[in-house]
C-alpha atoms as a PDB file:
ATOM      1  CA  MET A   1      40.976  68.007 -12.831  1.00  0.00           C
ATOM      2  CA  LEU A   2      39.803  67.787  -9.239  1.00  0.00           C
ATOM      3  CA  ASP A   3      40.541  71.335  -8.218  1.00  0.00           C
ATOM      4  CA  THR A   4      38.195  71.858  -5.292  1.00  0.00           C
ATOM      5  CA  SER A   5      37.742  70.141  -1.967  1.00  0.00           C
ATOM      6  CA  ALA A   6      34.049  69.746  -2.787  1.00  0.00           C
ATOM      7  CA  LEU A   7      34.917  67.443  -5.675  1.00  0.00           C
ATOM      8  CA  LEU A   8      37.740  65.702  -3.856  1.00  0.00           C
ATOM      9  CA  ALA A   9      35.508  64.857  -0.931  1.00  0.00           C
ATOM     10  CA  HIS A  10      33.410  62.576  -3.123  1.00  0.00           C
ATOM     11  CA  SER A  11      36.331  60.167  -3.647  1.00  0.00           C
ATOM     12  CA  ALA A  12      37.729  57.871  -0.961  1.00  0.00           C
ATOM     13  CA  ASN A  13      40.355  56.524  -3.382  1.00  0.00           C
ATOM     14  CA  LEU A  14      43.666  58.107  -2.376  1.00  0.00           C
ATOM     15  CA  ASP A  15      45.386  56.871  -5.545  1.00  0.00           C
ATOM     16  CA  LEU A  16      42.812  58.725  -7.651  1.00  0.00           C
ATOM     17  CA  VAL A  17      43.118  61.930  -5.652  1.00  0.00           C
ATOM     18  CA  ILE A  18      46.917  61.830  -5.785  1.00  0.00           C
ATOM     19  CA  ARG A  19      46.967  61.449  -9.569  1.00  0.00           C
ATOM     20  CA  HIS A  20      44.628  64.369 -10.109  1.00  0.00           C
ATOM     21  CA  VAL A  21      46.231  66.717  -7.591  1.00  0.00           C
ATOM     22  CA  LEU A  22      49.831  66.060  -8.609  1.00  0.00           C
ATOM     23  CA  ALA A  23      49.020  66.364 -12.308  1.00  0.00           C
ATOM     24  CA  GLY A  24      48.817  70.140 -11.869  1.00  0.00           C
ATOM     25  CA  LEU A  25      51.343  70.519  -9.060  1.00  0.00           C
ATOM     26  CA  GLY A  26      54.999  71.251  -9.626  1.00  0.00           C
ATOM     27  CA  HIS A  27      56.302  68.411  -7.527  1.00  0.00           C
ATOM     28  CA  GLY A  28      59.564  68.057  -5.643  1.00  0.00           C
ATOM     29  CA  ILE A  29      60.361  68.140  -1.954  1.00  0.00           C
ATOM     30  CA  HIS A  30      64.083  68.742  -1.963  1.00  0.00           C
ATOM     31  CA  ALA A  31      67.107  68.608  -4.236  1.00  0.00           C
ATOM     32  CA  GLY A  32      68.332  65.279  -2.891  1.00  0.00           C
ATOM     33  CA  ARG A  33      68.096  63.393  -6.174  1.00  0.00           C
ATOM     34  CA  GLU A  34      71.467  62.698  -7.790  1.00  0.00           C
ATOM     35  CA  ARG A  35      72.026  62.039 -11.493  1.00  0.00           C
ATOM     36  CA  GLY A  36      75.090  61.468 -13.662  1.00  0.00           C
ATOM     37  CA  ALA A  37      78.072  59.104 -13.616  1.00  0.00           C
ATOM     38  CA  GLY A  38      77.789  56.238 -11.184  1.00  0.00           C
ATOM     39  CA  VAL A  39      74.001  56.399 -11.013  1.00  0.00           C
ATOM     40  CA  GLU A  40      72.447  52.930 -11.278  1.00  0.00           C
ATOM     41  CA  PHE A  41      69.111  51.775 -12.695  1.00  0.00           C
ATOM     42  CA  SER A  42      66.515  51.221  -9.976  1.00  0.00           C
ATOM     43  CA  GLU A  43      63.114  50.396 -11.512  1.00  0.00           C
ATOM     44  CA  TYR A  44      60.516  51.297 -14.094  1.00  0.00           C
ATOM     45  CA  ARG A  45      57.380  53.187 -13.155  1.00  0.00           C
ATOM     46  CA  ALA A  46      54.434  54.589 -15.080  1.00  0.00           C
ATOM     47  CA  TYR A  47      54.893  58.024 -16.619  1.00  0.00           C
ATOM     48  CA  ALA A  48      53.336  60.854 -14.606  1.00  0.00           C
ATOM     49  CA  PRO A  49      52.712  64.456 -15.705  1.00  0.00           C
ATOM     50  CA  GLY A  50      55.846  66.499 -15.038  1.00  0.00           C
ATOM     51  CA  ASP A  51      58.335  63.692 -15.764  1.00  0.00           C
ATOM     52  CA  GLU A  52      61.104  64.517 -18.211  1.00  0.00           C
ATOM     53  CA  TRP A  53      60.552  63.018 -21.658  1.00  0.00           C
ATOM     54  CA  ARG A  54      64.235  62.087 -21.951  1.00  0.00           C
ATOM     55  CA  ARG A  55      63.684  59.546 -19.148  1.00  0.00           C
ATOM     56  CA  VAL A  56      60.925  57.692 -21.062  1.00  0.00           C
ATOM     57  CA  ASP A  57      61.989  54.199 -22.190  1.00  0.00           C
ATOM     58  CA  TRP A  58      60.939  54.245 -25.850  1.00  0.00           C
ATOM     59  CA  LYS A  59      61.744  50.561 -26.440  1.00  0.00           C
ATOM     60  CA  LEU A  60      59.435  49.569 -23.592  1.00  0.00           C
ATOM     61  CA  LEU A  61      56.759  51.869 -25.050  1.00  0.00           C
ATOM     62  CA  ALA A  62      56.941  49.937 -28.329  1.00  0.00           C
ATOM     63  CA  ARG A  63      56.433  46.626 -26.509  1.00  0.00           C
ATOM     64  CA  ALA A  64      53.893  47.632 -23.871  1.00  0.00           C
ATOM     65  CA  ASP A  65      52.104  50.518 -25.619  1.00  0.00           C
ATOM     66  CA  ARG A  66      52.385  52.526 -22.401  1.00  0.00           C
ATOM     67  CA  TYR A  67      54.801  55.211 -21.242  1.00  0.00           C
ATOM     68  CA  TYR A  68      57.308  54.188 -18.576  1.00  0.00           C
ATOM     69  CA  VAL A  69      60.231  56.116 -17.127  1.00  0.00           C
ATOM     70  CA  ARG A  70      63.474  54.730 -15.786  1.00  0.00           C
ATOM     71  CA  GLU A  71      64.143  55.375 -12.112  1.00  0.00           C
ATOM     72  CA  ALA A  72      67.910  55.671 -11.783  1.00  0.00           C
ATOM     73  CA  GLU A  73      69.159  57.594  -8.783  1.00  0.00           C
ATOM     74  CA  ARG A  74      71.570  57.106  -5.951  1.00  0.00           C
ATOM     75  CA  ASP A  75      69.915  56.606  -2.603  1.00  0.00           C
ATOM     76  CA  SER A  76      68.859  59.897  -1.070  1.00  0.00           C
ATOM     77  CA  HIS A  77      70.351  60.652   2.336  1.00  0.00           C
ATOM     78  CA  VAL A  78      67.154  62.365   3.436  1.00  0.00           C
ATOM     79  CA  ALA A  79      64.167  60.409   4.727  1.00  0.00           C
ATOM     80  CA  VAL A  80      60.680  61.905   4.643  1.00  0.00           C
ATOM     81  CA  TRP A  81      58.462  61.348   7.674  1.00  0.00           C
ATOM     82  CA  LEU A  82      54.723  61.981   7.603  1.00  0.00           C
ATOM     83  CA  TRP A  83      53.237  62.815  10.993  1.00  0.00           C
ATOM     84  CA  LEU A  84      49.450  62.711  11.321  1.00  0.00           C
ATOM     85  CA  ASP A  85      47.349  63.980  14.224  1.00  0.00           C
ATOM     86  CA  ALA A  86      44.355  61.638  14.297  1.00  0.00           C
ATOM     87  CA  SER A  87      42.987  62.730  17.670  1.00  0.00           C
ATOM     88  CA  ALA A  88      39.241  63.230  18.138  1.00  0.00           C
ATOM     89  CA  SER A  89      39.232  66.936  17.234  1.00  0.00           C
ATOM     90  CA  MET A  90      40.380  66.055  13.705  1.00  0.00           C
ATOM     91  CA  ALA A  91      36.925  64.573  13.045  1.00  0.00           C
ATOM     92  CA  GLU A  92      35.493  68.127  12.928  1.00  0.00           C
ATOM     93  CA  PRO A  93      33.490  68.331   9.677  1.00  0.00           C
ATOM     94  CA  SER A  94      33.136  71.145   7.209  1.00  0.00           C
ATOM     95  CA  ARG A  95      29.807  72.958   7.579  1.00  0.00           C
ATOM     96  CA  SER A  96      29.695  73.754   3.854  1.00  0.00           C
ATOM     97  CA  VAL A  97      31.187  70.690   2.086  1.00  0.00           C
ATOM     98  CA  GLU A  98      29.434  67.405   2.717  1.00  0.00           C
ATOM     99  CA  GLY A  99      31.697  64.446   3.487  1.00  0.00           C
ATOM    100  CA  LEU A 100      34.756  66.576   4.267  1.00  0.00           C
ATOM    101  CA  ASP A 101      36.486  66.763   7.649  1.00  0.00           C
ATOM    102  CA  LYS A 102      39.908  67.775   8.934  1.00  0.00           C
ATOM    103  CA  LEU A 103      41.228  64.214   9.118  1.00  0.00           C
ATOM    104  CA  TRP A 104      40.264  63.487   5.502  1.00  0.00           C
ATOM    105  CA  PHE A 105      42.075  66.604   4.328  1.00  0.00           C
ATOM    106  CA  ALA A 106      45.159  65.927   6.499  1.00  0.00           C
ATOM    107  CA  ARG A 107      45.630  62.319   5.474  1.00  0.00           C
ATOM    108  CA  THR A 108      45.041  63.156   1.789  1.00  0.00           C
ATOM    109  CA  ALA A 109      47.633  65.941   1.916  1.00  0.00           C
ATOM    110  CA  LEU A 110      50.120  63.555   3.545  1.00  0.00           C
ATOM    111  CA  ALA A 111      49.324  60.906   0.934  1.00  0.00           C
ATOM    112  CA  CYS A 112      50.293  63.391  -1.775  1.00  0.00           C
ATOM    113  CA  VAL A 113      53.590  64.136   0.002  1.00  0.00           C
ATOM    114  CA  ALA A 114      54.234  60.371   0.210  1.00  0.00           C
ATOM    115  CA  ALA A 115      53.645  60.044  -3.538  1.00  0.00           C
ATOM    116  CA  ILE A 116      56.115  62.863  -4.221  1.00  0.00           C
ATOM    117  CA  ALA A 117      58.710  61.229  -1.944  1.00  0.00           C
ATOM    118  CA  GLN A 118      58.252  57.915  -3.739  1.00  0.00           C
ATOM    119  CA  ARG A 119      58.650  59.626  -7.103  1.00  0.00           C
ATOM    120  CA  GLN A 120      61.896  61.236  -5.918  1.00  0.00           C
ATOM    121  CA  GLY A 121      63.283  57.918  -4.711  1.00  0.00           C
ATOM    122  CA  ASP A 122      63.307  58.963  -1.041  1.00  0.00           C
ATOM    123  CA  ALA A 123      62.684  56.680   1.890  1.00  0.00           C
ATOM    124  CA  PHE A 124      59.496  57.716   3.696  1.00  0.00           C
ATOM    125  CA  GLY A 125      57.554  56.572   6.738  1.00  0.00           C
ATOM    126  CA  LEU A 126      54.416  57.424   8.685  1.00  0.00           C
ATOM    127  CA  ILE A 127      53.604  58.226  12.324  1.00  0.00           C
ATOM    128  CA  VAL A 128      49.930  58.347  13.354  1.00  0.00           C
ATOM    129  CA  CYS A 129      48.953  59.830  16.724  1.00  0.00           C
ATOM    130  CA  SER A 130      45.554  58.820  18.144  1.00  0.00           C
ATOM    131  CA  ASP A 131      43.998  57.148  21.188  1.00  0.00           C
ATOM    132  CA  GLY A 132      47.027  58.119  23.262  1.00  0.00           C
ATOM    133  CA  LYS A 133      49.363  56.088  21.021  1.00  0.00           C
ATOM    134  CA  ALA A 134      51.894  56.791  18.304  1.00  0.00           C
ATOM    135  CA  GLU A 135      51.834  54.064  15.649  1.00  0.00           C
ATOM    136  CA  PHE A 136      54.426  54.050  12.913  1.00  0.00           C
ATOM    137  CA  THR A 137      55.106  52.582   9.499  1.00  0.00           C
ATOM    138  CA  PRO A 138      58.908  52.240   9.180  1.00  0.00           C
ATOM    139  CA  ALA A 139      60.576  54.260   6.436  1.00  0.00           C
ATOM    140  CA  SER A 140      61.283  52.506   3.147  1.00  0.00           C
ATOM    141  CA  ARG A 141      61.289  53.196  -0.589  1.00  0.00           C
ATOM    142  CA  GLY A 142      59.333  52.250  -3.665  1.00  0.00           C
ATOM    143  CA  PRO A 143      55.779  51.645  -4.902  1.00  0.00           C
ATOM    144  CA  ARG A 144      55.059  48.938  -2.316  1.00  0.00           C
ATOM    145  CA  GLN A 145      55.968  51.319   0.483  1.00  0.00           C
ATOM    146  CA  LEU A 146      53.606  53.892  -0.994  1.00  0.00           C
ATOM    147  CA  GLN A 147      50.785  51.361  -0.914  1.00  0.00           C
ATOM    148  CA  ARG A 148      51.615  50.465   2.705  1.00  0.00           C
ATOM    149  CA  VAL A 149      51.443  54.129   3.705  1.00  0.00           C
ATOM    150  CA  LEU A 150      48.236  54.774   1.754  1.00  0.00           C
ATOM    151  CA  SER A 151      46.643  51.724   3.358  1.00  0.00           C
ATOM    152  CA  ALA A 152      47.600  52.917   6.841  1.00  0.00           C
ATOM    153  CA  LEU A 153      46.225  56.395   6.113  1.00  0.00           C
ATOM    154  CA  SER A 154      42.978  54.960   4.724  1.00  0.00           C
ATOM    155  CA  ARG A 155      42.437  52.889   7.884  1.00  0.00           C
ATOM    156  CA  THR A 156      42.998  55.819  10.237  1.00  0.00           C
ATOM    157  CA  ARG A 157      40.032  57.178  12.180  1.00  0.00           C
ATOM    158  CA  ALA A 158      39.987  60.214  14.478  1.00  0.00           C
ATOM    159  CA  SER A 159      39.835  59.035  18.072  1.00  0.00           C
ATOM    160  CA  GLY A 160      40.958  59.915  21.585  1.00  0.00           C
ATOM    161  CA  ARG A 161      43.695  62.314  22.555  1.00  0.00           C
ATOM    162  CA  LEU A 162      47.285  62.845  21.499  1.00  0.00           C
ATOM    163  CA  PRO A 163      49.877  60.478  23.007  1.00  0.00           C
ATOM    164  CA  SER A 164      51.894  61.306  26.095  1.00  0.00           C
ATOM    165  CA  GLU A 165      55.430  62.655  25.969  1.00  0.00           C
ATOM    166  CA  ALA A 166      56.826  59.160  26.605  1.00  0.00           C
ATOM    167  CA  ALA A 167      54.841  57.630  23.736  1.00  0.00           C
ATOM    168  CA  THR A 168      55.762  60.471  21.399  1.00  0.00           C
ATOM    169  CA  ARG A 169      59.421  60.249  22.335  1.00  0.00           C
ATOM    170  CA  GLY A 170      59.307  56.534  21.536  1.00  0.00           C
ATOM    171  CA  ALA A 171      58.199  57.287  17.990  1.00  0.00           C
ATOM    172  CA  MET A 172      61.075  59.727  17.570  1.00  0.00           C
ATOM    173  CA  GLN A 173      63.733  57.037  17.994  1.00  0.00           C
ATOM    174  CA  PHE A 174      63.327  56.264  14.292  1.00  0.00           C
ATOM    175  CA  LEU A 175      64.418  59.739  13.233  1.00  0.00           C
ATOM    176  CA  HIS A 176      68.173  59.448  13.689  1.00  0.00           C
ATOM    177  CA  ALA A 177      69.262  60.206  10.119  1.00  0.00           C
ATOM    178  CA  PRO A 178      68.580  63.604   8.516  1.00  0.00           C
ATOM    179  CA  ALA A 179      64.871  63.875   7.779  1.00  0.00           C
ATOM    180  CA  MET A 180      62.125  66.080   6.477  1.00  0.00           C
ATOM    181  CA  VAL A 181      59.088  65.924   8.749  1.00  0.00           C
ATOM    182  CA  PHE A 182      55.659  66.925   7.420  1.00  0.00           C
ATOM    183  CA  ALA A 183      53.157  67.143  10.287  1.00  0.00           C
ATOM    184  CA  ALA A 184      49.436  67.786   9.768  1.00  0.00           C
ATOM    185  CA  SER A 185      47.228  68.712  12.733  1.00  0.00           C
ATOM    186  CA  ASP A 186      44.772  71.337  13.917  1.00  0.00           C
ATOM    187  CA  PHE A 187      47.246  72.177  16.718  1.00  0.00           C
ATOM    188  CA  LEU A 188      44.365  72.997  19.049  1.00  0.00           C
ATOM    189  CA  ASP A 189      46.259  71.144  21.754  1.00  0.00           C
ATOM    190  CA  TRP A 190      49.307  73.415  22.140  1.00  0.00           C
ATOM    191  CA  PRO A 191      51.645  73.306  23.900  1.00  0.00           C
ATOM    192  CA  SER A 192      51.491  69.521  23.771  1.00  0.00           C
ATOM    193  CA  PRO A 193      53.820  66.512  23.641  1.00  0.00           C
ATOM    194  CA  LEU A 194      53.305  66.452  19.871  1.00  0.00           C
ATOM    195  CA  GLY A 195      54.243  70.111  19.497  1.00  0.00           C
ATOM    196  CA  GLU A 196      57.244  69.766  21.796  1.00  0.00           C
ATOM    197  CA  SER A 197      58.451  66.715  19.864  1.00  0.00           C
ATOM    198  CA  LEU A 198      58.230  68.547  16.549  1.00  0.00           C
ATOM    199  CA  LEU A 199      60.111  71.552  17.890  1.00  0.00           C
ATOM    200  CA  ARG A 200      62.720  69.231  19.407  1.00  0.00           C
ATOM    201  CA  LEU A 201      63.228  67.607  16.024  1.00  0.00           C
ATOM    202  CA  ARG A 202      63.894  71.011  14.512  1.00  0.00           C
ATOM    203  CA  ARG A 203      66.456  71.725  17.231  1.00  0.00           C
ATOM    204  CA  MET A 204      68.069  68.419  16.180  1.00  0.00           C
ATOM    205  CA  ARG A 205      68.404  70.045  12.732  1.00  0.00           C
ATOM    206  CA  HIS A 206      65.704  68.059  10.983  1.00  0.00           C
ATOM    207  CA  ASP A 207      63.637  70.003   8.434  1.00  0.00           C
ATOM    208  CA  VAL A 208      60.191  70.245  10.079  1.00  0.00           C
ATOM    209  CA  ARG A 209      57.147  71.685   8.278  1.00  0.00           C
ATOM    210  CA  LEU A 210      53.743  72.022   9.889  1.00  0.00           C
ATOM    211  CA  LEU A 211      50.275  72.237   8.371  1.00  0.00           C
ATOM    212  CA  ALA A 212      47.620  73.693  10.699  1.00  0.00           C
ATOM    213  CA  LEU A 213      44.075  72.899   9.560  1.00  0.00           C
ATOM    214  CA  GLN A 214      40.757  74.481  10.464  1.00  0.00           C
ATOM    215  CA  THR A 215      37.277  74.472   9.028  1.00  0.00           C
ATOM    216  CA  GLU A 216      35.901  77.775   7.760  1.00  0.00           C
ATOM    217  CA  ALA A 217      33.346  77.676  10.586  1.00  0.00           C
ATOM    218  CA  GLU A 218      36.120  77.280  13.155  1.00  0.00           C
ATOM    219  CA  ALA A 219      38.205  80.063  11.652  1.00  0.00           C
ATOM    220  CA  THR A 220      35.338  82.578  11.455  1.00  0.00           C
ATOM    221  CA  GLY A 221      33.048  81.399  14.233  1.00  0.00           C
ATOM    222  CA  GLY A 222      30.500  80.696  11.527  1.00  0.00           C
ATOM    223  CA  PHE A 223      28.365  78.297  13.549  1.00  0.00           C
ATOM    224  CA  ARG A 224      24.616  78.838  13.578  1.00  0.00           C
ATOM    225  CA  ASN A 225      23.198  80.848  16.486  1.00  0.00           C
ATOM    226  CA  GLY A 226      22.273  78.727  19.465  1.00  0.00           C
ATOM    227  CA  ALA A 227      24.416  75.782  18.340  1.00  0.00           C
ATOM    228  CA  ALA A 228      26.008  73.829  21.167  1.00  0.00           C
ATOM    229  CA  TYR A 229      29.507  72.386  20.902  1.00  0.00           C
ATOM    230  CA  ARG A 230      31.347  69.964  23.148  1.00  0.00           C
ATOM    231  CA  ASP A 231      35.116  69.476  22.848  1.00  0.00           C
ATOM    232  CA  PRO A 232      35.537  65.802  21.849  1.00  0.00           C
ATOM    233  CA  GLU A 233      38.793  65.584  23.794  1.00  0.00           C
ATOM    234  CA  LEU A 234      37.561  67.495  26.881  1.00  0.00           C
ATOM    235  CA  PRO A 235      33.882  66.478  27.108  1.00  0.00           C
ATOM    236  CA  GLU A 236      33.179  68.137  30.434  1.00  0.00           C
ATOM    237  CA  GLY A 237      32.513  71.548  28.845  1.00  0.00           C
ATOM    238  CA  LEU A 238      29.566  72.585  26.655  1.00  0.00           C
ATOM    239  CA  HIS A 239      29.838  75.763  24.585  1.00  0.00           C
ATOM    240  CA  ARG A 240      26.952  77.659  23.017  1.00  0.00           C
ATOM    241  CA  PHE A 241      27.282  80.107  20.159  1.00  0.00           C
ATOM    242  CA  ASP A 242      25.423  83.339  20.718  1.00  0.00           C
ATOM    243  CA  LYS A 243      26.805  86.725  19.640  1.00  0.00           C
ATOM    244  CA  GLU A 244      28.873  87.242  22.787  1.00  0.00           C
ATOM    245  CA  GLY A 245      30.116  83.667  22.845  1.00  0.00           C
ATOM    246  CA  ARG A 246      31.067  83.825  19.175  1.00  0.00           C
ATOM    247  CA  GLU A 247      33.186  86.938  19.633  1.00  0.00           C
ATOM    248  CA  SER A 248      34.928  85.395  22.632  1.00  0.00           C
ATOM    249  CA  TYR A 249      35.546  82.157  20.716  1.00  0.00           C
ATOM    250  CA  VAL A 250      37.050  83.915  17.674  1.00  0.00           C
ATOM    251  CA  ALA A 251      39.324  86.054  19.861  1.00  0.00           C
ATOM    252  CA  SER A 252      40.453  83.038  21.882  1.00  0.00           C
ATOM    253  CA  LEU A 253      41.197  80.918  18.805  1.00  0.00           C
ATOM    254  CA  SER A 254      43.052  83.791  17.141  1.00  0.00           C
ATOM    255  CA  ALA A 255      45.229  84.266  20.225  1.00  0.00           C
ATOM    256  CA  HIS A 256      45.912  80.535  20.384  1.00  0.00           C
ATOM    257  CA  MET A 257      47.007  80.262  16.746  1.00  0.00           C
ATOM    258  CA  THR A 258      49.123  83.408  17.136  1.00  0.00           C
ATOM    259  CA  ALA A 259      50.948  81.641  19.991  1.00  0.00           C
ATOM    260  CA  VAL A 260      51.463  78.540  17.825  1.00  0.00           C
ATOM    261  CA  SER A 261      52.820  80.701  14.999  1.00  0.00           C
ATOM    262  CA  ALA A 262      55.159  82.560  17.375  1.00  0.00           C
ATOM    263  CA  ALA A 263      56.579  79.297  18.743  1.00  0.00           C
ATOM    264  CA  CYS A 264      57.185  78.044  15.211  1.00  0.00           C
ATOM    265  CA  ARG A 265      58.857  81.287  14.187  1.00  0.00           C
ATOM    266  CA  LYS A 266      61.093  81.213  17.267  1.00  0.00           C
ATOM    267  CA  ASN A 267      62.236  77.690  16.362  1.00  0.00           C
ATOM    268  CA  ASP A 268      62.567  78.341  12.600  1.00  0.00           C
ATOM    269  CA  VAL A 269      59.728  75.957  11.717  1.00  0.00           C
ATOM    270  CA  PRO A 270      57.635  76.860   8.644  1.00  0.00           C
ATOM    271  CA  LEU A 271      53.912  76.830   9.458  1.00  0.00           C
ATOM    272  CA  ALA A 272      51.281  76.727   6.728  1.00  0.00           C
ATOM    273  CA  MET A 273      47.742  77.528   7.894  1.00  0.00           C
ATOM    274  CA  ALA A 274      44.714  76.543   5.811  1.00  0.00           C
ATOM    275  CA  CYS A 275      41.006  75.846   5.864  1.00  0.00           C
ATOM    276  CA  ILE A 276      39.972  72.444   4.601  1.00  0.00           C
ATOM    277  CA  GLU A 277      37.519  74.038   2.176  1.00  0.00           C
ATOM    278  CA  GLN A 278      40.469  75.438   0.176  1.00  0.00           C
ATOM    279  CA  PRO A 279      41.633  73.565  -2.962  1.00  0.00           C
ATOM    280  CA  LEU A 280      44.012  70.812  -1.897  1.00  0.00           C
ATOM    281  CA  ALA A 281      46.574  71.570  -4.620  1.00  0.00           C
ATOM    282  CA  GLN A 282      46.751  75.191  -3.446  1.00  0.00           C
ATOM    283  CA  VAL A 283      47.376  74.130   0.158  1.00  0.00           C
ATOM    284  CA  LEU A 284      50.015  71.584  -0.891  1.00  0.00           C
ATOM    285  CA  ARG A 285      51.829  74.178  -2.971  1.00  0.00           C
ATOM    286  CA  GLN A 286      51.898  76.523   0.024  1.00  0.00           C
ATOM    287  CA  TRP A 287      53.077  73.780   2.384  1.00  0.00           C
ATOM    288  CA  LEU A 288      55.838  72.456   0.122  1.00  0.00           C
ATOM    289  CA  ARG A 289      57.167  75.849  -0.885  1.00  0.00           C
ATOM    290  CA  THR A 290      57.116  77.590   2.478  1.00  0.00           C
ATOM    291  CA  GLU A 291      60.496  79.237   3.012  1.00  0.00           C
ATOM    292  CA  ARG A 292      62.390  79.102   6.247  1.00  0.00           C
ATOM    293  CA  LEU A 293      61.334  81.819   8.652  1.00  0.00           C
ATOM    294  CA  ARG A 294      63.951  84.433   9.502  1.00  0.00           C
END
């Protein structure tokens, strides 16, 4: 079982990570799946831990010597949209786990949500924000759609800044029907067109859930003394970490994230905050199970 980010970071295979993480995760995004009279057969898929044994096709097991379950649901009325911030700041690496950065963690978390949506029979799509553009993979269902989304996530590199309000609004035209929106970002750029778009979607009564990612060094100011840092999205400033600068940095970041949290609470948007050094399954469980704020 890959239960730590240190182990996960050694695999670039999203299929492998998904299988290991979801094996120990009680999966399910919403109660949109319908069973009973009038439900039609959809497809077979390989058995996964957590599937109900009564859905295993025993005749197919005898022929193929492998466990398969029957997918047989009505179409869900809820689409799942994955929204990834792939701006330059998401390339920030962990200072304690080699090969791990915020973008890797974000796209792997979203890949797991995509796999859950596919398992539930939901339509799901992807929006990637980087280099001032918002690129999308239209929502669809099934194993092929999962592979399309995983391929798009695997190709994504952190670059540039978030798109403008016009570009972000263009991506939103695909969210007409009721949707669940899972957005992963560091939210260092806030308020921003991305943040405003997500809050607008919530006001349109979509179910919006945010995951704010930091490294442990960012969260605690745990950079080595004398280290210099330049914002990859605002390269004109150079910051050095001495004792005074560290205290100012931690206070400023804390105030910023408090403002993000307050805006989410005001708009009834669940916000899960995590460090990328945490176990991925733990973060996913928190993100998926976050209750509406009151």
